[in-house]
Amino acid sequence: PVVVNKNNQHWIEWIKIIHVQSQNIYVGISCKFDESHGTQGGNNHANRWSVQSICLDRGDIYNKHRLVGLNRDRYNVQLENFKTSITEIKFSDNESKDIDKKINVLKQQIRSQQDSIVRLKESLLRAKNANKYVSHANDMDAHEMKDNELEDDAINDKVNVESVCDLKKELITI
């Protein structure tokens, strides 16, 4: 049993500790005895229990239980193994729609990442091609300069040879 206090009212609820074996966790299910369900419209409805909450915090359960004032180990011993790694529970009438939405969001994120990768690759390729063009142009300029130097050397050699030949002819004629 635990004491619950809401809106300046308080009452007793009973928490049933449930072991979820497949997950090896414990959760508490808080139930309230509802005395207001008596005879309605000529039908005799028995008093009944209703689920109020799912409890995931062992310390919270223990502190609310202490407010009851019962110091019995049979209640406290139920909390010894209480452990859970659950921080949130989501209820949905149509789980497949939730999963489909998540899948679509993930697919959109993947497409966006793929598009970004393509744009980056194109940008990298343009930068490489521009660098090759500049490098090639520099190579061409260097090659043309070398060709020009060789051509100049060849012309100079020819001029020198012709000059020497002319000089020899003049010498011979003299």
Protein backbone atom coordinates (compact mmCIF):
# COMPACT_ATOMS: atom_id res chain seq x y z
CA PRO A 1 0.00 0.00 0.00
CA VAL A 2 1.09 3.60 -0.70
CA VAL A 3 -0.30 7.04 0.09
CA VAL A 4 -1.14 9.18 -2.93
CA ASN A 5 -1.74 12.91 -2.56
CA LYS A 6 -3.17 14.91 -5.47
CA ASN A 7 -5.12 18.17 -5.54
CA ASN A 8 -5.19 18.40 -1.73
CA GLN A 9 -6.78 14.98 -1.50
CA HIS A 10 -5.16 11.76 -0.43
CA TRP A 11 -6.01 8.09 -0.64
CA ILE A 12 -4.45 4.66 -0.51
CA GLU A 13 -3.41 2.77 -3.63
CA TRP A 14 -1.92 -0.69 -3.80
CA ILE A 15 1.09 -1.32 -5.97
CA LYS A 16 1.50 -4.78 -7.44
CA ILE A 17 5.13 -5.50 -8.33
CA ILE A 18 5.34 -7.32 -11.67
CA HIS A 19 8.47 -9.13 -12.88
CA VAL A 20 8.83 -8.93 -16.67
CA GLN A 21 10.98 -12.01 -17.16
CA SER A 22 11.74 -11.48 -20.85
CA GLN A 23 13.40 -8.15 -19.97
CA ASN A 24 14.52 -9.11 -16.44
CA ILE A 25 12.98 -5.94 -15.03
CA TYR A 26 10.32 -5.05 -12.47
CA VAL A 27 7.53 -2.52 -12.74
CA GLY A 28 4.87 -1.50 -10.28
CA ILE A 29 1.21 -1.30 -11.22
CA SER A 30 -0.66 1.08 -8.93
CA CYS A 31 -4.34 0.24 -8.38
CA LYS A 32 -7.08 2.14 -6.59
CA PHE A 33 -10.18 0.62 -5.09
CA ASP A 34 -13.10 2.60 -6.45
CA GLU A 35 -16.05 2.57 -4.06
CA SER A 36 -18.18 4.85 -6.23
CA HIS A 37 -19.21 2.00 -8.52
CA GLY A 38 -22.27 0.80 -6.65
CA THR A 39 -25.78 0.46 -8.00
CA GLN A 40 -26.25 2.41 -11.21
CA GLY A 41 -29.42 2.52 -13.30
CA GLY A 42 -30.86 -0.51 -11.61
CA ASN A 43 -27.79 -2.65 -12.38
CA ASN A 44 -25.74 -3.86 -9.48
CA HIS A 45 -22.08 -3.12 -10.22
CA ALA A 46 -19.64 -4.45 -7.67
CA ASN A 47 -16.93 -2.23 -6.25
CA ARG A 48 -13.87 -2.53 -8.43
CA TRP A 49 -10.17 -1.82 -8.76
CA SER A 50 -8.79 0.45 -11.43
CA VAL A 51 -5.23 0.86 -12.64
CA GLN A 52 -3.95 4.35 -11.84
CA SER A 53 -0.33 4.30 -12.97
CA ILE A 54 2.77 2.33 -13.86
CA CYS A 55 5.57 2.88 -11.37
CA LEU A 56 9.18 2.70 -12.50
CA ASP A 57 10.95 4.29 -9.52
CA ARG A 58 11.70 1.99 -6.58
CA GLY A 59 12.58 4.90 -4.27
CA ASP A 60 9.31 6.67 -5.02
CA ILE A 61 7.33 3.52 -4.22
CA TYR A 62 9.24 3.01 -0.96
CA ASN A 63 8.77 6.62 0.18
CA LYS A 64 5.02 6.56 -0.54
CA HIS A 65 4.76 3.23 1.29
CA ARG A 66 6.47 4.67 4.38
CA LEU A 67 3.69 7.28 4.59
CA VAL A 68 1.17 4.49 5.21
CA GLY A 69 2.92 3.73 8.49
CA LEU A 70 3.00 -0.04 8.08
CA ASN A 71 6.35 -1.40 9.08
CA ARG A 72 5.95 -4.87 7.69
CA ASP A 73 8.77 -6.62 5.92
CA ARG A 74 6.40 -8.52 3.63
CA TYR A 75 5.77 -5.29 1.68
CA ASN A 76 9.36 -4.02 1.73
CA VAL A 77 10.81 -7.37 0.64
CA GLN A 78 8.95 -7.05 -2.66
CA LEU A 79 11.10 -4.03 -3.51
CA GLU A 80 14.44 -5.83 -2.93
CA ASN A 81 14.73 -7.10 -6.51
CA PHE A 82 12.93 -4.13 -8.04
CA LYS A 83 15.04 -2.78 -10.87
CA THR A 84 14.23 -1.30 -14.23
CA SER A 85 16.05 0.43 -17.03
CA ILE A 86 12.83 1.79 -18.51
CA THR A 87 12.55 5.57 -18.51
CA GLU A 88 9.59 5.97 -20.83
CA ILE A 89 6.61 3.93 -21.91
CA LYS A 90 4.69 4.83 -25.05
CA PHE A 91 1.25 3.47 -25.75
CA SER A 92 -0.03 3.41 -29.29
CA ASP A 93 -3.11 1.96 -30.94
CA ASN A 94 -1.26 1.48 -34.19
CA GLU A 95 2.35 0.55 -33.68
CA SER A 96 2.91 -0.12 -37.38
CA LYS A 97 2.12 3.53 -38.23
CA ASP A 98 4.69 4.69 -35.66
CA ILE A 99 7.28 2.31 -37.09
CA ASP A 100 6.42 3.37 -40.65
CA LYS A 101 6.86 7.02 -39.68
CA LYS A 102 10.23 6.28 -38.10
CA ILE A 103 11.32 4.31 -41.17
CA ASN A 104 10.27 7.15 -43.49
CA VAL A 105 12.13 9.72 -41.39
CA LEU A 106 15.25 7.52 -41.41
CA LYS A 107 14.96 7.02 -45.18
CA GLN A 108 14.71 10.79 -45.68
CA GLN A 109 17.79 11.28 -43.50
CA ILE A 110 19.69 8.66 -45.53
CA ARG A 111 18.67 10.31 -48.84
CA SER A 112 19.74 13.69 -47.52
CA GLN A 113 23.12 12.29 -46.44
CA GLN A 114 23.55 10.59 -49.82
CA ASP A 115 22.76 13.84 -51.64
CA SER A 116 25.30 15.66 -49.46
CA ILE A 117 27.93 13.04 -50.28
CA VAL A 118 27.24 13.38 -54.02
CA ARG A 119 27.52 17.20 -53.81
CA LEU A 120 30.79 16.92 -51.87
CA LYS A 121 32.22 14.44 -54.39
CA GLU A 122 31.26 16.72 -57.29
CA SER A 123 32.84 19.69 -55.55
CA LEU A 124 36.01 17.69 -54.88
CA LEU A 125 36.16 16.55 -58.51
CA ARG A 126 35.76 20.14 -59.76
CA ALA A 127 38.56 21.27 -57.43
CA LYS A 128 40.83 18.45 -58.62
CA ASN A 129 40.09 19.23 -62.29
CA ALA A 130 40.75 22.93 -61.74
CA ASN A 131 44.03 22.05 -60.04
CA LYS A 132 44.98 19.72 -62.91
CA TYR A 133 44.17 22.46 -65.45
CA VAL A 134 46.31 24.97 -63.61
CA SER A 135 49.05 22.39 -63.20
CA HIS A 136 48.75 21.38 -66.87
CA ALA A 137 48.80 25.02 -67.96
CA ASN A 138 51.91 25.58 -65.85
CA ASP A 139 53.47 22.46 -67.37
CA MET A 140 52.53 23.71 -70.84
CA ASP A 141 54.02 27.12 -70.10
CA ALA A 142 57.20 25.51 -68.84
CA HIS A 143 57.29 23.19 -71.87
CA GLU A 144 56.73 26.12 -74.27
CA MET A 145 59.46 28.11 -72.53
CA LYS A 146 61.84 25.18 -72.91
CA ASP A 147 60.85 24.80 -76.58
CA ASN A 148 61.39 28.52 -77.10
CA GLU A 149 64.79 28.31 -75.44
CA LEU A 150 65.74 25.35 -77.64
CA GLU A 151 64.50 27.17 -80.69
CA ASP A 152 66.44 30.29 -79.71
CA ASP A 153 69.53 28.18 -79.17
CA ALA A 154 69.05 26.54 -82.56
CA ILE A 155 68.62 29.93 -84.27
CA ASN A 156 71.65 31.29 -82.49
CA ASP A 157 73.64 28.23 -83.51
CA LYS A 158 72.49 28.63 -87.13
CA VAL A 159 73.27 32.33 -87.10
CA ASN A 160 76.67 31.60 -85.65
CA VAL A 161 77.33 28.89 -88.20
CA GLU A 162 76.19 31.13 -91.05
CA SER A 163 78.29 33.96 -89.71
CA VAL A 164 81.31 31.69 -89.53
CA CYS A 165 80.64 30.46 -93.08
CA ASP A 166 80.24 34.00 -94.36
CA LEU A 167 83.39 34.94 -92.60
CA LYS A 168 85.24 32.03 -94.18
CA LYS A 169 83.97 32.97 -97.63
CA GLU A 170 85.20 36.47 -97.16
CA LEU A 171 88.50 35.20 -95.97
CA ILE A 172 88.81 32.90 -98.94
CA THR A 173 88.01 35.64 -101.34
CA ILE A 174 90.57 37.88 -99.85
